Each structure stands twice: as C-alpha cells, then as structure tokens.
C-alpha cells in the first residue's frame, strides 16, 4: 500500500469495486475504453446508493486513481469528460 494507511488503501479498493460494479466494466477493460457514459453511470449509481458526501468521495477517489495512472504512464489518456 506504499505510503497510504491501510484505511485509505481500503477506501480506494472499495472505490475500485464500486466503479466496476456500477459501470459494468471489469479489470480486463482498458482505461482508454472508459467513456463518458460509464462515468455518468457511476455518478448516477453513486447518487442513488450513497448520501451526497459519500457519493462525492467515491467519485473523487475514482478521479484520483485515473489521474495517478495517467501521470505515471500506466494509461495513455484520462477518460473523456
């Protein structure tokens, strides 16, 4: 987990799980295959299943994960907005 506390790491793992659950994507999908529609599905499901603050936290964690992957060269581009 690097410099992350176990609690923080667990929250990002939960965000990853919810991302896949809510978008219908799998770990086999490439980040460049994530579409605006997928992000909108994620947001709609988060809004439906969480209170506002928790939904925002979930979306924020997903955004950070994609940004870190892009900055480290693991993905060629960020998902389209």
N, C-alpha and C. Protein backbone atom coordinates (compact mmCIF):
# COMPACT_ATOMS: atom_id res chain seq x y z
N UNK A 1 0.80 -1.19 0.00
CA UNK A 1 0.00 0.00 0.00
C UNK A 1 0.85 1.26 0.00
N UNK A 2 2.18 1.15 -0.04
CA UNK A 2 3.05 2.32 -0.12
C UNK A 2 2.92 3.21 1.10
N UNK A 3 2.75 4.50 0.87
CA UNK A 3 2.65 5.46 1.95
C UNK A 3 1.22 5.63 2.46
N UNK A 4 0.29 4.92 1.90
CA UNK A 4 -1.11 5.03 2.33
C UNK A 4 -1.34 4.25 3.61
N UNK A 5 -2.20 4.77 4.46
CA UNK A 5 -2.61 3.98 5.62
C UNK A 5 -3.50 2.85 5.11
N UNK A 6 -3.64 1.82 5.89
CA UNK A 6 -4.48 0.69 5.50
C UNK A 6 -5.92 1.15 5.27
N UNK A 7 -6.39 2.06 6.10
CA UNK A 7 -7.75 2.58 5.98
C UNK A 7 -7.95 3.30 4.65
N UNK A 8 -6.99 4.13 4.28
CA UNK A 8 -7.07 4.85 3.00
C UNK A 8 -7.01 3.88 1.84
N UNK A 9 -6.10 2.91 1.92
CA UNK A 9 -5.98 1.89 0.88
C UNK A 9 -7.31 1.15 0.72
N UNK A 10 -7.91 0.77 1.84
CA UNK A 10 -9.18 0.05 1.79
C UNK A 10 -10.28 0.89 1.13
N UNK A 11 -10.26 2.18 1.37
CA UNK A 11 -11.26 3.06 0.74
C UNK A 11 -11.08 3.10 -0.77
N UNK A 12 -9.83 3.12 -1.23
CA UNK A 12 -9.59 3.10 -2.68
C UNK A 12 -9.97 1.75 -3.28
N UNK A 13 -9.73 0.68 -2.56
CA UNK A 13 -10.15 -0.64 -3.03
C UNK A 13 -11.67 -0.71 -3.15
N UNK A 14 -12.38 -0.15 -2.17
CA UNK A 14 -13.84 -0.11 -2.24
C UNK A 14 -14.30 0.74 -3.43
N UNK A 15 -13.62 1.86 -3.67
CA UNK A 15 -13.98 2.70 -4.82
C UNK A 15 -13.79 1.93 -6.12
N UNK A 16 -12.71 1.15 -6.20
CA UNK A 16 -12.47 0.34 -7.40
C UNK A 16 -13.58 -0.69 -7.58
N UNK A 17 -13.96 -1.35 -6.49
CA UNK A 17 -15.02 -2.34 -6.54
C UNK A 17 -16.33 -1.70 -7.01
N UNK A 18 -16.68 -0.57 -6.44
CA UNK A 18 -17.92 0.12 -6.81
C UNK A 18 -17.85 0.62 -8.27
N UNK A 19 -16.68 1.08 -8.69
CA UNK A 19 -16.52 1.52 -10.09
C UNK A 19 -16.89 0.38 -11.03
N UNK A 20 -16.33 -0.79 -10.80
CA UNK A 20 -16.63 -1.93 -11.67
C UNK A 20 -18.09 -2.36 -11.54
N UNK A 21 -18.59 -2.38 -10.32
CA UNK A 21 -19.98 -2.77 -10.09
C UNK A 21 -20.96 -1.83 -10.77
N UNK A 22 -20.74 -0.55 -10.62
CA UNK A 22 -21.69 0.44 -11.13
C UNK A 22 -21.58 0.69 -12.63
N UNK A 23 -20.41 0.49 -13.20
CA UNK A 23 -20.26 0.74 -14.64
C UNK A 23 -20.46 -0.51 -15.48
N UNK A 24 -20.33 -1.68 -14.87
CA UNK A 24 -20.42 -2.92 -15.62
C UNK A 24 -19.12 -3.29 -16.31
N UNK A 25 -18.08 -2.48 -16.10
CA UNK A 25 -16.77 -2.78 -16.67
C UNK A 25 -16.07 -3.80 -15.77
N UNK A 26 -14.98 -4.36 -16.28
CA UNK A 26 -14.18 -5.31 -15.50
C UNK A 26 -12.72 -4.87 -15.52
N UNK A 27 -11.91 -5.54 -14.76
CA UNK A 27 -10.48 -5.26 -14.75
C UNK A 27 -9.82 -5.55 -16.10
N UNK A 28 -10.52 -6.25 -16.98
CA UNK A 28 -9.99 -6.53 -18.31
C UNK A 28 -10.20 -5.38 -19.29
N UNK A 29 -11.08 -4.43 -18.93
CA UNK A 29 -11.28 -3.27 -19.78
C UNK A 29 -10.11 -2.32 -19.61
N UNK A 30 -9.67 -1.73 -20.69
CA UNK A 30 -8.59 -0.76 -20.63
C UNK A 30 -9.15 0.59 -20.22
N UNK A 31 -8.34 1.37 -19.51
CA UNK A 31 -8.79 2.68 -19.05
C UNK A 31 -9.23 3.55 -20.23
N UNK A 32 -8.57 3.41 -21.36
CA UNK A 32 -8.94 4.24 -22.51
C UNK A 32 -10.31 3.86 -23.07
N UNK A 33 -10.85 2.71 -22.64
CA UNK A 33 -12.17 2.29 -23.07
C UNK A 33 -13.29 2.90 -22.22
N UNK A 34 -12.93 3.54 -21.13
CA UNK A 34 -13.92 4.16 -20.25
C UNK A 34 -14.49 5.38 -20.97
N UNK A 35 -15.79 5.43 -21.04
CA UNK A 35 -16.46 6.51 -21.78
C UNK A 35 -17.16 7.47 -20.83
N UNK A 36 -17.63 8.55 -21.38
CA UNK A 36 -18.42 9.50 -20.60
C UNK A 36 -19.67 8.80 -20.07
N UNK A 37 -20.25 7.94 -20.86
CA UNK A 37 -21.43 7.20 -20.42
C UNK A 37 -21.12 6.36 -19.18
N UNK A 38 -19.94 5.74 -19.14
CA UNK A 38 -19.55 4.95 -17.97
C UNK A 38 -19.44 5.84 -16.73
N UNK A 39 -18.86 7.01 -16.90
CA UNK A 39 -18.70 7.94 -15.77
C UNK A 39 -20.07 8.42 -15.30
N UNK A 40 -20.97 8.68 -16.25
CA UNK A 40 -22.32 9.10 -15.88
C UNK A 40 -23.09 7.99 -15.15
N UNK A 41 -22.87 6.73 -15.57
CA UNK A 41 -23.48 5.59 -14.87
C UNK A 41 -22.95 5.52 -13.44
N UNK A 42 -21.64 5.69 -13.30
CA UNK A 42 -21.01 5.66 -11.98
C UNK A 42 -21.63 6.74 -11.09
N UNK A 43 -21.74 7.93 -11.63
CA UNK A 43 -22.28 9.04 -10.85
C UNK A 43 -23.74 8.78 -10.46
N UNK A 44 -24.54 8.31 -11.39
CA UNK A 44 -25.96 8.05 -11.11
C UNK A 44 -26.11 6.98 -10.04
N UNK A 45 -25.33 5.91 -10.13
CA UNK A 45 -25.42 4.85 -9.13
C UNK A 45 -24.90 5.32 -7.78
N UNK A 46 -23.84 6.11 -7.77
CA UNK A 46 -23.31 6.64 -6.51
C UNK A 46 -24.35 7.54 -5.86
N UNK A 47 -24.98 8.40 -6.66
CA UNK A 47 -26.01 9.30 -6.12
C UNK A 47 -27.20 8.52 -5.58
N UNK A 48 -27.51 7.40 -6.22
CA UNK A 48 -28.66 6.59 -5.80
C UNK A 48 -28.36 5.78 -4.53
N UNK A 49 -27.11 5.35 -4.38
CA UNK A 49 -26.77 4.42 -3.30
C UNK A 49 -26.07 5.05 -2.10
N UNK A 50 -25.67 6.30 -2.20
CA UNK A 50 -24.93 6.94 -1.13
C UNK A 50 -25.53 8.31 -0.83
N UNK A 51 -25.29 8.80 0.38
CA UNK A 51 -25.62 10.20 0.67
C UNK A 51 -24.66 11.07 -0.13
N UNK A 52 -24.98 12.34 -0.29
CA UNK A 52 -24.24 13.22 -1.19
C UNK A 52 -22.73 13.23 -0.92
N UNK A 53 -22.32 13.38 0.34
CA UNK A 53 -20.89 13.44 0.65
C UNK A 53 -20.17 12.15 0.28
N UNK A 54 -20.79 11.02 0.59
CA UNK A 54 -20.17 9.73 0.30
C UNK A 54 -20.08 9.50 -1.21
N UNK A 55 -21.11 9.90 -1.95
CA UNK A 55 -21.08 9.77 -3.41
C UNK A 55 -19.95 10.62 -3.98
N UNK A 56 -19.81 11.83 -3.49
CA UNK A 56 -18.72 12.70 -3.94
C UNK A 56 -17.36 12.12 -3.62
N UNK A 57 -17.22 11.51 -2.45
CA UNK A 57 -15.95 10.89 -2.08
C UNK A 57 -15.61 9.73 -3.00
N UNK A 58 -16.61 8.93 -3.34
CA UNK A 58 -16.39 7.81 -4.26
C UNK A 58 -15.91 8.32 -5.62
N UNK A 59 -16.60 9.31 -6.15
CA UNK A 59 -16.23 9.87 -7.45
C UNK A 59 -14.84 10.50 -7.40
N UNK A 60 -14.52 11.16 -6.31
CA UNK A 60 -13.22 11.78 -6.14
C UNK A 60 -12.10 10.74 -6.13
N UNK A 61 -12.32 9.64 -5.44
CA UNK A 61 -11.31 8.58 -5.38
C UNK A 61 -11.08 7.96 -6.76
N UNK A 62 -12.15 7.77 -7.51
CA UNK A 62 -12.01 7.24 -8.87
C UNK A 62 -11.23 8.21 -9.74
N UNK A 63 -11.52 9.49 -9.62
CA UNK A 63 -10.82 10.51 -10.40
C UNK A 63 -9.33 10.52 -10.06
N UNK A 64 -9.01 10.47 -8.78
CA UNK A 64 -7.61 10.45 -8.34
C UNK A 64 -6.90 9.23 -8.90
N UNK A 65 -7.55 8.07 -8.86
CA UNK A 65 -6.93 6.84 -9.35
C UNK A 65 -6.61 6.96 -10.85
N UNK A 66 -7.54 7.48 -11.63
CA UNK A 66 -7.28 7.65 -13.06
C UNK A 66 -6.17 8.67 -13.30
N UNK A 67 -6.18 9.75 -12.53
CA UNK A 67 -5.16 10.79 -12.70
C UNK A 67 -3.77 10.23 -12.37
N UNK A 68 -3.65 9.48 -11.29
CA UNK A 68 -2.36 8.89 -10.93
C UNK A 68 -1.89 7.89 -11.98
N UNK A 69 -2.81 7.11 -12.50
CA UNK A 69 -2.45 6.14 -13.54
C UNK A 69 -1.96 6.86 -14.79
N UNK A 70 -2.62 7.96 -15.15
CA UNK A 70 -2.21 8.72 -16.32
C UNK A 70 -0.84 9.38 -16.10
N UNK A 71 -0.66 10.01 -14.93
CA UNK A 71 0.59 10.70 -14.65
C UNK A 71 1.78 9.74 -14.59
N UNK A 72 1.54 8.50 -14.19
CA UNK A 72 2.62 7.53 -14.10
C UNK A 72 2.83 6.77 -15.42
N UNK A 73 2.04 7.10 -16.43
CA UNK A 73 2.20 6.47 -17.75
C UNK A 73 1.53 5.12 -17.88
N UNK A 74 0.73 4.74 -16.92
CA UNK A 74 0.06 3.42 -16.98
C UNK A 74 -1.12 3.43 -17.95
N UNK A 75 -1.70 4.62 -18.19
CA UNK A 75 -2.76 4.74 -19.18
C UNK A 75 -2.40 5.92 -20.10
N UNK A 76 -2.77 5.85 -21.38
CA UNK A 76 -2.37 6.89 -22.33
C UNK A 76 -3.18 8.18 -22.24
N UNK A 77 -4.35 8.12 -21.65
CA UNK A 77 -5.18 9.31 -21.55
C UNK A 77 -6.19 9.15 -20.43
N UNK A 78 -6.73 10.25 -19.99
CA UNK A 78 -7.78 10.22 -18.99
C UNK A 78 -9.11 9.93 -19.67
N UNK A 79 -10.07 9.36 -18.93
CA UNK A 79 -11.39 9.15 -19.54
C UNK A 79 -11.95 10.49 -20.02
N UNK A 80 -12.65 10.43 -21.12
CA UNK A 80 -13.24 11.64 -21.68
C UNK A 80 -14.33 12.17 -20.76
N UNK A 81 -14.42 13.50 -20.65
CA UNK A 81 -15.42 14.11 -19.79
C UNK A 81 -16.71 14.29 -20.56
